[in-house]
C-alpha cells in the first residue's frame, strides 16, 4: 500500500489514507477502483496512474473522498523502489 501511495502522489493524486483491507475482503485477483463521488473519469485517471485495475461506480456521500482503491494481485510496483518522500 505504501508503494502504491507514493506512486499515486507522484501522479498528482491526493492520498488521504492507506492501509490493509479487512481480512474478509481476502486477496483480490485484480485491483478495484471504486468511485464514491463524481464520474467514472475520476476512476480512469487513477487506473491510468496505477497501470492496472477496473473502475466501479458506487456513490457513497458519507465518505469524504472521491474514490477508494483496493490493490489486487495485478498491481506491480515499479522495478526501482524510491524510499525517500
C-alpha atoms as a PDB file:
ATOM      1  CA  UNK A   1       0.000   0.000   0.000  1.00  0.00           C
ATOM      2  CA  UNK A   2       2.833   2.394   0.826  1.00  0.00           C
ATOM      3  CA  UNK A   3       4.500   1.864  -2.569  1.00  0.00           C
ATOM      4  CA  UNK A   4       1.171   2.389  -4.327  1.00  0.00           C
ATOM      5  CA  UNK A   5       0.573   5.561  -2.318  1.00  0.00           C
ATOM      6  CA  UNK A   6       3.903   7.093  -3.284  1.00  0.00           C
ATOM      7  CA  UNK A   7       3.268   6.430  -6.966  1.00  0.00           C
ATOM      8  CA  UNK A   8      -0.200   7.983  -6.838  1.00  0.00           C
ATOM      9  CA  UNK A   9       1.115  11.081  -5.092  1.00  0.00           C
ATOM     10  CA  UNK A  10       3.779  11.479  -7.766  1.00  0.00           C
ATOM     11  CA  UNK A  11       0.976  11.322 -10.350  1.00  0.00           C
ATOM     12  CA  UNK A  12      -0.756  14.240  -8.602  1.00  0.00           C
ATOM     13  CA  UNK A  13      -3.414  12.154  -6.859  1.00  0.00           C
ATOM     14  CA  UNK A  14      -4.036  13.081  -3.221  1.00  0.00           C
ATOM     15  CA  UNK A  15      -3.951  10.006  -0.989  1.00  0.00           C
ATOM     16  CA  UNK A  16      -5.595  10.640   2.370  1.00  0.00           C
ATOM     17  CA  UNK A  17      -5.245   7.174   3.899  1.00  0.00           C
ATOM     18  CA  UNK A  18      -3.654   3.838   3.149  1.00  0.00           C
ATOM     19  CA  UNK A  19      -3.692   0.531   4.959  1.00  0.00           C
ATOM     20  CA  UNK A  20      -4.656  -3.095   4.646  1.00  0.00           C
ATOM     21  CA  UNK A  21      -8.104  -4.189   3.527  1.00  0.00           C
ATOM     22  CA  UNK A  22     -10.198  -6.125   6.029  1.00  0.00           C
ATOM     23  CA  UNK A  23      -9.431  -9.848   6.173  1.00  0.00           C
ATOM     24  CA  UNK A  24     -12.989 -10.531   4.950  1.00  0.00           C
ATOM     25  CA  UNK A  25     -12.073  -8.958   1.591  1.00  0.00           C
ATOM     26  CA  UNK A  26      -9.293 -11.506   1.118  1.00  0.00           C
ATOM     27  CA  UNK A  27      -6.720 -11.331  -1.661  1.00  0.00           C
ATOM     28  CA  UNK A  28      -8.141  -9.699  -4.765  1.00  0.00           C
ATOM     29  CA  UNK A  29      -7.190 -11.069  -8.178  1.00  0.00           C
ATOM     30  CA  UNK A  30      -7.475  -7.595  -9.677  1.00  0.00           C
ATOM     31  CA  UNK A  31      -7.290  -4.040  -8.418  1.00  0.00           C
ATOM     32  CA  UNK A  32     -10.634  -2.334  -7.762  1.00  0.00           C
ATOM     33  CA  UNK A  33     -11.037   1.411  -8.125  1.00  0.00           C
ATOM     34  CA  UNK A  34     -14.352   2.395  -6.564  1.00  0.00           C
ATOM     35  CA  UNK A  35     -15.590   5.881  -7.443  1.00  0.00           C
ATOM     36  CA  UNK A  36     -17.510   7.317  -4.477  1.00  0.00           C
ATOM     37  CA  UNK A  37     -18.183  10.834  -5.829  1.00  0.00           C
ATOM     38  CA  UNK A  38     -18.084  12.149  -9.379  1.00  0.00           C
ATOM     39  CA  UNK A  39     -17.942  10.485 -12.759  1.00  0.00           C
ATOM     40  CA  UNK A  40     -16.189   7.282 -13.815  1.00  0.00           C
ATOM     41  CA  UNK A  41     -13.476   9.503 -15.331  1.00  0.00           C
ATOM     42  CA  UNK A  42     -12.172  10.008 -11.764  1.00  0.00           C
ATOM     43  CA  UNK A  43     -11.507   6.280 -11.583  1.00  0.00           C
ATOM     44  CA  UNK A  44      -9.998   6.190 -15.055  1.00  0.00           C
ATOM     45  CA  UNK A  45      -7.384   8.756 -14.032  1.00  0.00           C
ATOM     46  CA  UNK A  46      -6.432   6.579 -11.079  1.00  0.00           C
ATOM     47  CA  UNK A  47      -6.403   3.445 -13.238  1.00  0.00           C
ATOM     48  CA  UNK A  48      -4.010   5.098 -15.675  1.00  0.00           C
ATOM     49  CA  UNK A  49      -1.693   6.121 -12.827  1.00  0.00           C
ATOM     50  CA  UNK A  50      -1.723   2.577 -11.430  1.00  0.00           C
ATOM     51  CA  UNK A  51      -1.433   0.832 -14.788  1.00  0.00           C
ATOM     52  CA  UNK A  52      -3.971  -1.749 -13.641  1.00  0.00           C
ATOM     53  CA  UNK A  53      -7.430  -2.218 -12.226  1.00  0.00           C
ATOM     54  CA  UNK A  54     -11.084  -1.957 -13.051  1.00  0.00           C
ATOM     55  CA  UNK A  55     -13.300   1.012 -12.308  1.00  0.00           C
ATOM     56  CA  UNK A  56     -16.613   0.675 -10.484  1.00  0.00           C
ATOM     57  CA  UNK A  57     -19.012   3.482  -9.551  1.00  0.00           C
ATOM     58  CA  UNK A  58     -20.590   3.075  -6.101  1.00  0.00           C
ATOM     59  CA  UNK A  59     -21.751   6.505  -4.864  1.00  0.00           C
ATOM     60  CA  UNK A  60     -21.374   6.978  -1.118  1.00  0.00           C
ATOM     61  CA  UNK A  61     -21.952  10.524   0.144  1.00  0.00           C
ATOM     62  CA  UNK A  62     -20.999   9.500   3.696  1.00  0.00           C
ATOM     63  CA  UNK A  63     -17.358   9.089   2.634  1.00  0.00           C
ATOM     64  CA  UNK A  64     -15.409  12.297   2.252  1.00  0.00           C
ATOM     65  CA  UNK A  65     -13.362  11.104  -0.704  1.00  0.00           C
ATOM     66  CA  UNK A  66     -13.686  10.691  -4.450  1.00  0.00           C
ATOM     67  CA  UNK A  67     -12.504   7.080  -4.759  1.00  0.00           C
ATOM     68  CA  UNK A  68     -11.329   4.024  -2.852  1.00  0.00           C
ATOM     69  CA  UNK A  69      -8.610   1.770  -4.269  1.00  0.00           C
ATOM     70  CA  UNK A  70      -8.124  -1.861  -3.287  1.00  0.00           C
ATOM     71  CA  UNK A  71      -4.842  -3.108  -4.727  1.00  0.00           C
ATOM     72  CA  UNK A  72      -5.045  -6.607  -6.142  1.00  0.00           C
ATOM     73  CA  UNK A  73      -2.643  -9.230  -7.454  1.00  0.00           C
ATOM     74  CA  UNK A  74      -2.416  -7.392 -10.800  1.00  0.00           C
ATOM     75  CA  UNK A  75      -0.715  -4.382  -9.167  1.00  0.00           C
ATOM     76  CA  UNK A  76       3.016  -4.395  -9.900  1.00  0.00           C
ATOM     77  CA  UNK A  77       5.199  -1.924  -8.011  1.00  0.00           C
ATOM     78  CA  UNK A  78       7.819  -0.093 -10.048  1.00  0.00           C
ATOM     79  CA  UNK A  79      11.057  -2.003 -10.650  1.00  0.00           C
ATOM     80  CA  UNK A  80      13.028   0.744  -8.893  1.00  0.00           C
ATOM     81  CA  UNK A  81      11.841   1.484  -5.380  1.00  0.00           C
ATOM     82  CA  UNK A  82      12.391   5.009  -4.099  1.00  0.00           C
ATOM     83  CA  UNK A  83      12.121   5.126  -0.309  1.00  0.00           C
ATOM     84  CA  UNK A  84      12.548   8.877   0.029  1.00  0.00           C
ATOM     85  CA  UNK A  85       9.387  11.025   0.417  1.00  0.00           C
END
